[in-house]
C-alpha atoms as a PDB file:
ATOM      1  CA  MET A   1      94.247 117.557  68.620  1.00  0.00           C
ATOM      2  CA  LEU A   2      96.460 120.553  69.376  1.00  0.00           C
ATOM      3  CA  GLN A   3      95.756 120.188  73.101  1.00  0.00           C
ATOM      4  CA  LYS A   4      96.907 116.547  73.015  1.00  0.00           C
ATOM      5  CA  ARG A   5     100.174 117.545  71.330  1.00  0.00           C
ATOM      6  CA  ILE A   6     100.788 120.294  73.885  1.00  0.00           C
ATOM      7  CA  LEU A   7     100.049 117.879  76.734  1.00  0.00           C
ATOM      8  CA  ALA A   8     102.362 115.244  75.233  1.00  0.00           C
ATOM      9  CA  PHE A   9     105.133 117.862  74.803  1.00  0.00           C
ATOM     10  CA  ALA A  10     104.700 119.008  78.420  1.00  0.00           C
ATOM     11  CA  ILE A  11     104.968 115.410  79.692  1.00  0.00           C
ATOM     12  CA  ILE A  12     108.119 114.754  77.658  1.00  0.00           C
ATOM     13  CA  LEU A  13     109.654 118.043  78.817  1.00  0.00           C
ATOM     14  CA  ALA A  14     108.881 117.261  82.466  1.00  0.00           C
ATOM     15  CA  ALA A  15     110.440 113.799  82.109  1.00  0.00           C
ATOM     16  CA  ALA A  16     113.582 115.263  80.524  1.00  0.00           C
ATOM     17  CA  VAL A  17     113.975 117.842  83.309  1.00  0.00           C
ATOM     18  CA  THR A  18     113.488 115.161  85.981  1.00  0.00           C
ATOM     19  CA  ALA A  19     116.034 112.853  84.313  1.00  0.00           C
ATOM     20  CA  GLY A  20     118.528 115.709  84.112  1.00  0.00           C
ATOM     21  CA  HIS A  21     118.407 116.154  87.888  1.00  0.00           C
ATOM     22  CA  ALA A  22     119.091 112.464  88.499  1.00  0.00           C
ATOM     23  CA  HIS A  23     122.616 112.797  87.056  1.00  0.00           C
ATOM     24  CA  ALA A  24     123.709 115.916  88.885  1.00  0.00           C
ATOM     25  CA  VAL A  25     127.427 116.390  89.519  1.00  0.00           C
ATOM     26  CA  GLN A  26     128.586 115.856  93.101  1.00  0.00           C
ATOM     27  CA  PRO A  27     128.925 119.168  94.923  1.00  0.00           C
ATOM     28  CA  ALA A  28     132.210 120.279  96.485  1.00  0.00           C
ATOM     29  CA  GLY A  29     132.920 118.368  99.669  1.00  0.00           C
ATOM     30  CA  ALA A  30     130.963 115.336  98.496  1.00  0.00           C
ATOM     31  CA  THR A  31     132.029 111.962  99.762  1.00  0.00           C
ATOM     32  CA  ARG A  32     133.047 108.928  97.850  1.00  0.00           C
ATOM     33  CA  GLY A  33     134.131 105.557  99.106  1.00  0.00           C
ATOM     34  CA  GLY A  34     135.171 102.195  97.836  1.00  0.00           C
ATOM     35  CA  VAL A  35     136.977 103.737  94.869  1.00  0.00           C
ATOM     36  CA  HIS A  36     139.929 102.026  93.303  1.00  0.00           C
ATOM     37  CA  PHE A  37     143.102 104.101  93.296  1.00  0.00           C
ATOM     38  CA  ASP A  38     146.314 103.051  91.529  1.00  0.00           C
ATOM     39  CA  ILE A  39     149.774 103.626  92.966  1.00  0.00           C
ATOM     40  CA  ILE A  40     152.677 103.264  90.527  1.00  0.00           C
ATOM     41  CA  ASN A  41     156.060 103.008  92.223  1.00  0.00           C
ATOM     42  CA  ALA A  42     158.631 104.501  89.844  1.00  0.00           C
ATOM     43  CA  THR A  43     161.191 104.984  92.641  1.00  0.00           C
ATOM     44  CA  PHE A  44     164.233 102.859  93.451  1.00  0.00           C
ATOM     45  CA  ASP A  45     162.887 101.702  96.831  1.00  0.00           C
ATOM     46  CA  SER A  46     159.985  99.478  97.906  1.00  0.00           C
ATOM     47  CA  VAL A  47     156.844 100.936  99.458  1.00  0.00           C
ATOM     48  CA  THR A  48     156.054  99.167 102.729  1.00  0.00           C
ATOM     49  CA  GLY A  49     153.042 101.163 103.880  1.00  0.00           C
ATOM     50  CA  ILE A  50     150.354 103.588 102.753  1.00  0.00           C
ATOM     51  CA  ALA A  51     148.008 105.508 105.033  1.00  0.00           C
ATOM     52  CA  VAL A  52     145.194 107.922 104.210  1.00  0.00           C
ATOM     53  CA  ALA A  53     143.537 110.783 106.133  1.00  0.00           C
ATOM     54  CA  PRO A  54     141.012 113.488 105.310  1.00  0.00           C
ATOM     55  CA  SER A  55     142.795 116.480 103.797  1.00  0.00           C
ATOM     56  CA  GLY A  56     144.316 118.520 106.600  1.00  0.00           C
ATOM     57  CA  GLY A  57     143.567 115.784 109.121  1.00  0.00           C
ATOM     58  CA  THR A  58     145.977 114.103 111.477  1.00  0.00           C
ATOM     59  CA  THR A  59     144.281 110.724 111.914  1.00  0.00           C
ATOM     60  CA  PHE A  60     145.775 108.479 109.251  1.00  0.00           C
ATOM     61  CA  ARG A  61     144.224 105.096 108.500  1.00  0.00           C
ATOM     62  CA  ASP A  62     146.600 102.383 107.300  1.00  0.00           C
ATOM     63  CA  ILE A  63     145.665 100.615 104.071  1.00  0.00           C
ATOM     64  CA  ASP A  64     146.684  96.978 103.744  1.00  0.00           C
ATOM     65  CA  ILE A  65     148.951  96.745 100.687  1.00  0.00           C
ATOM     66  CA  GLY A  66     150.080  93.158 101.238  1.00  0.00           C
ATOM     67  CA  PRO A  67     153.733  92.547 100.376  1.00  0.00           C
ATOM     68  CA  PRO A  68     155.941  95.606  99.714  1.00  0.00           C
ATOM     69  CA  LEU A  69     155.392  97.344  96.391  1.00  0.00           C
ATOM     70  CA  GLN A  70     158.787  97.141  94.738  1.00  0.00           C
ATOM     71  CA  GLY A  71     160.212 100.055  92.783  1.00  0.00           C
ATOM     72  CA  GLY A  72     160.714 100.055  89.042  1.00  0.00           C
ATOM     73  CA  PHE A  73     157.217 100.896  87.736  1.00  0.00           C
ATOM     74  CA  ASN A  74     155.322  98.254  89.703  1.00  0.00           C
ATOM     75  CA  GLN A  75     151.664  99.024  90.327  1.00  0.00           C
ATOM     76  CA  LEU A  76     149.173  98.418  93.113  1.00  0.00           C
ATOM     77  CA  THR A  77     145.435  99.112  93.168  1.00  0.00           C
ATOM     78  CA  LEU A  78     144.045 100.287  96.520  1.00  0.00           C
ATOM     79  CA  ASP A  79     140.484 100.351  97.766  1.00  0.00           C
ATOM     80  CA  MET A  80     140.121 103.804  99.299  1.00  0.00           C
ATOM     81  CA  PRO A  81     137.992 103.981 102.449  1.00  0.00           C
ATOM     82  CA  ARG A  82     134.871 106.162 102.457  1.00  0.00           C
ATOM     83  CA  GLY A  83     135.432 109.856 103.005  1.00  0.00           C
ATOM     84  CA  ASP A  84     135.799 113.238 101.371  1.00  0.00           C
ATOM     85  CA  CYS A  85     137.261 113.536  97.897  1.00  0.00           C
ATOM     86  CA  LEU A  86     140.361 115.392  99.103  1.00  0.00           C
ATOM     87  CA  ARG A  87     142.749 113.116 101.003  1.00  0.00           C
ATOM     88  CA  ASP A  88     146.254 113.256 102.410  1.00  0.00           C
ATOM     89  CA  LEU A  89     148.447 110.225 101.734  1.00  0.00           C
ATOM     90  CA  ARG A  90     151.420 109.047 103.746  1.00  0.00           C
ATOM     91  CA  VAL A  91     153.726 106.639 101.915  1.00  0.00           C
ATOM     92  CA  THR A  92     156.415 104.746 103.854  1.00  0.00           C
ATOM     93  CA  PHE A  93     159.432 103.257 102.077  1.00  0.00           C
ATOM     94  CA  ARG A  94     161.615 100.316 103.099  1.00  0.00           C
ATOM     95  CA  ASN A  95     164.541 102.613 103.970  1.00  0.00           C
ATOM     96  CA  GLY A  96     162.333 104.434 106.524  1.00  0.00           C
ATOM     97  CA  ARG A  97     161.677 107.508 104.399  1.00  0.00           C
ATOM     98  CA  VAL A  98     158.121 108.855 104.662  1.00  0.00           C
ATOM     99  CA  LEU A  99     156.535 110.795 101.802  1.00  0.00           C
ATOM    100  CA  TYR A 100     153.589 113.036 102.704  1.00  0.00           C
ATOM    101  CA  LEU A 101     151.243 113.898  99.815  1.00  0.00           C
ATOM    102  CA  PRO A 102     148.539 116.426 100.784  1.00  0.00           C
ATOM    103  CA  GLY A 103     145.316 117.241  98.959  1.00  0.00           C
ATOM    104  CA  ILE A 104     144.984 114.291  96.566  1.00  0.00           C
ATOM    105  CA  ASP A 105     141.541 114.356  94.906  1.00  0.00           C
ATOM    106  CA  VAL A 106     140.490 110.700  94.705  1.00  0.00           C
ATOM    107  CA  CYS A 107     137.220 111.635  92.988  1.00  0.00           C
ATOM    108  CA  ARG A 108     138.901 113.279  89.995  1.00  0.00           C
ATOM    109  CA  SER A 109     142.045 111.171  89.624  1.00  0.00           C
ATOM    110  CA  THR A 110     142.412 107.440  89.371  1.00  0.00           C
ATOM    111  CA  GLY A 111     145.943 107.093  90.626  1.00  0.00           C
ATOM    112  CA  LEU A 112     149.323 108.457  91.533  1.00  0.00           C
ATOM    113  CA  ARG A 113     152.845 107.884  90.257  1.00  0.00           C
ATOM    114  CA  LEU A 114     155.629 107.959  92.835  1.00  0.00           C
ATOM    115  CA  THR A 115     158.907 109.136  91.347  1.00  0.00           C
ATOM    116  CA  ALA A 116     162.465 109.427  92.619  1.00  0.00           C
ATOM    117  CA  ARG A 117     163.648 112.949  93.329  1.00  0.00           C
END
């Protein structure tokens, strides 16, 4: 009887250890794609374009935002393309101003609020 209990305990313990490894945290440099990322425009100008690149990269990929995102706390949800967690964003405003935002972690944050300076 004692041997059956020890065997049952060993099986349960092995299952718990195996299940624990199935939910491991992504290591640094892991990739994630298809995530939703919110942009809140709290500026006084409309956003006409948003582009994304790997952090430190120079090849930006334009993201279709549809009509301009007007200022005044309007919000837009983007579908981020696949890639590393750390991204650089380039935001273009109607007046031609370009805002460069390096090192945004799209795996840890769900959005960004643009504010007037």
